[in-house]
C-alpha atoms as a PDB file:
ATOM      1  CA  MET A   1     -16.023  10.462  -8.338  1.00  0.00           C
ATOM      2  CA  THR A   2     -18.527   8.626  -7.102  1.00  0.00           C
ATOM      3  CA  CYS A   3     -17.135   4.975  -5.902  1.00  0.00           C
ATOM      4  CA  GLY A   4     -15.168   3.103  -5.153  1.00  0.00           C
ATOM      5  CA  GLY A   5     -14.749   1.828  -8.807  1.00  0.00           C
ATOM      6  CA  CYS A   6     -13.997   5.811  -9.788  1.00  0.00           C
ATOM      7  CA  THR A   7     -11.062   5.152  -7.148  1.00  0.00           C
ATOM      8  CA  SER A   8      -9.797   2.144  -8.794  1.00  0.00           C
ATOM      9  CA  SER A   9     -10.691   3.645 -12.626  1.00  0.00           C
ATOM     10  CA  VAL A  10      -8.159   6.778 -12.124  1.00  0.00           C
ATOM     11  CA  THR A  11      -5.924   4.938 -10.206  1.00  0.00           C
ATOM     12  CA  LYS A  12      -5.787   1.409 -12.650  1.00  0.00           C
ATOM     13  CA  ALA A  13      -4.848   4.936 -15.811  1.00  0.00           C
ATOM     14  CA  LEU A  14      -1.974   6.187 -13.700  1.00  0.00           C
ATOM     15  CA  LYS A  15      -0.114   3.370 -13.363  1.00  0.00           C
ATOM     16  CA  ALA A  16      -0.797   2.406 -16.610  1.00  0.00           C
ATOM     17  CA  LEU A  17       1.778   4.939 -17.290  1.00  0.00           C
ATOM     18  CA  ASN A  18       5.049   4.242 -17.624  1.00  0.00           C
ATOM     19  CA  GLY A  19       7.478   6.781 -15.073  1.00  0.00           C
ATOM     20  CA  VAL A  20       4.256   6.036 -12.143  1.00  0.00           C
ATOM     21  CA  ILE A  21       5.844   5.385  -9.357  1.00  0.00           C
ATOM     22  CA  ASN A  22       3.898   2.693  -7.429  1.00  0.00           C
ATOM     23  CA  ASP A  23       2.699   5.608  -4.979  1.00  0.00           C
ATOM     24  CA  VAL A  24      -1.449   6.431  -6.845  1.00  0.00           C
ATOM     25  CA  THR A  25      -3.513   7.457  -4.581  1.00  0.00           C
ATOM     26  CA  VAL A  26      -6.742   8.861  -5.341  1.00  0.00           C
ATOM     27  CA  SER A  27      -8.884  10.297  -2.995  1.00  0.00           C
ATOM     28  CA  LEU A  28     -12.796   9.902  -3.033  1.00  0.00           C
ATOM     29  CA  SER A  29     -13.543  12.379  -1.060  1.00  0.00           C
ATOM     30  CA  GLY A  30     -11.387  15.016  -1.776  1.00  0.00           C
ATOM     31  CA  GLY A  31     -11.761  14.128  -5.960  1.00  0.00           C
ATOM     32  CA  LYS A  32      -8.373  14.824  -6.057  1.00  0.00           C
ATOM     33  CA  ALA A  33      -5.618  12.035  -7.365  1.00  0.00           C
ATOM     34  CA  THR A  34      -1.408  12.470  -5.517  1.00  0.00           C
ATOM     35  CA  VAL A  35       0.803  10.500  -8.047  1.00  0.00           C
ATOM     36  CA  GLN A  36       4.513   9.738  -7.500  1.00  0.00           C
ATOM     37  CA  TYR A  37       6.134  10.188 -10.957  1.00  0.00           C
ATOM     38  CA  ASP A  38       9.223  10.537 -12.533  1.00  0.00           C
ATOM     39  CA  GLU A  39       9.828  13.466 -14.488  1.00  0.00           C
ATOM     40  CA  LYS A  40      11.952  12.303 -17.309  1.00  0.00           C
ATOM     41  CA  LEU A  41       9.489   9.158 -18.068  1.00  0.00           C
ATOM     42  CA  THR A  42       5.945  11.552 -17.195  1.00  0.00           C
ATOM     43  CA  THR A  43       4.573  14.486 -18.081  1.00  0.00           C
ATOM     44  CA  THR A  44       1.581  16.391 -16.055  1.00  0.00           C
ATOM     45  CA  GLU A  45      -0.181  16.077 -19.716  1.00  0.00           C
ATOM     46  CA  GLN A  46       0.097  12.472 -19.764  1.00  0.00           C
ATOM     47  CA  LEU A  47      -0.621  12.294 -15.580  1.00  0.00           C
ATOM     48  CA  LYS A  48      -4.471  14.443 -17.053  1.00  0.00           C
ATOM     49  CA  SER A  49      -4.591  12.732 -20.564  1.00  0.00           C
ATOM     50  CA  ALA A  50      -4.794   8.901 -18.880  1.00  0.00           C
ATOM     51  CA  VAL A  51      -7.538  10.670 -16.269  1.00  0.00           C
ATOM     52  CA  ILE A  52      -9.416  11.726 -19.138  1.00  0.00           C
ATOM     53  CA  GLU A  53      -8.943   8.781 -21.128  1.00  0.00           C
ATOM     54  CA  ALA A  54     -10.251   6.971 -18.158  1.00  0.00           C
ATOM     55  CA  GLY A  55     -13.187   8.860 -18.509  1.00  0.00           C
ATOM     56  CA  TYR A  56     -12.691  11.528 -15.998  1.00  0.00           C
ATOM     57  CA  GLY A  57     -12.179  15.025 -16.564  1.00  0.00           C
ATOM     58  CA  VAL A  58      -9.371  17.071 -15.126  1.00  0.00           C
ATOM     59  CA  ASP A  59      -8.927  21.002 -13.005  1.00  0.00           C
ATOM     60  CA  ALA A  60      -6.427  22.554 -14.027  1.00  0.00           C
ATOM     61  CA  SER A  61      -7.556  25.735 -11.845  1.00  0.00           C
ATOM     62  CA  SER A  62      -6.117  25.167  -8.211  1.00  0.00           C
ATOM     63  CA  ALA A  63      -2.020  25.563  -7.427  1.00  0.00           C
ATOM     64  CA  ALA A  64      -2.410  21.609  -7.287  1.00  0.00           C
ATOM     65  CA  GLU A  65      -4.837  20.122  -9.930  1.00  0.00           C
ATOM     66  CA  GLN A  66      -7.987  18.507  -8.970  1.00  0.00           C
ATOM     67  CA  ALA A  67      -9.105  14.607 -10.498  1.00  0.00           C
ATOM     68  CA  GLN A  68     -12.293  15.264 -11.162  1.00  0.00           C
ATOM     69  CA  GLY A  69     -15.122  13.498 -12.861  1.00  0.00           C
ATOM     70  CA  LYS A  70     -18.601  12.009 -14.098  1.00  0.00           C
ATOM     71  CA  GLY A  71     -18.972   8.486 -11.942  1.00  0.00           C
ATOM     72  CA  CYS A  72     -19.203   5.437 -12.445  1.00  0.00           C
ATOM     73  CA  CYS A  73     -21.919   5.091 -10.630  1.00  0.00           C
ATOM     74  CA  GLY A  74     -24.716   7.493 -12.727  1.00  0.00           C
END
């Protein structure tokens, strides 16, 4: 992620999922998204898919899954 537009795109994609509570924080500097969601309505796979469909990648190699990806500004 390279700009505020990137964070906005990821935030919008995550908030669009059923079960995501409006507490979504995307950190441009950290390249991370923190999402509060209802596990009965949304899975981590659905969260990952939303980030990927928004044009970004997901790094699941660490204990905390991190959103990473190409920048929208080049």
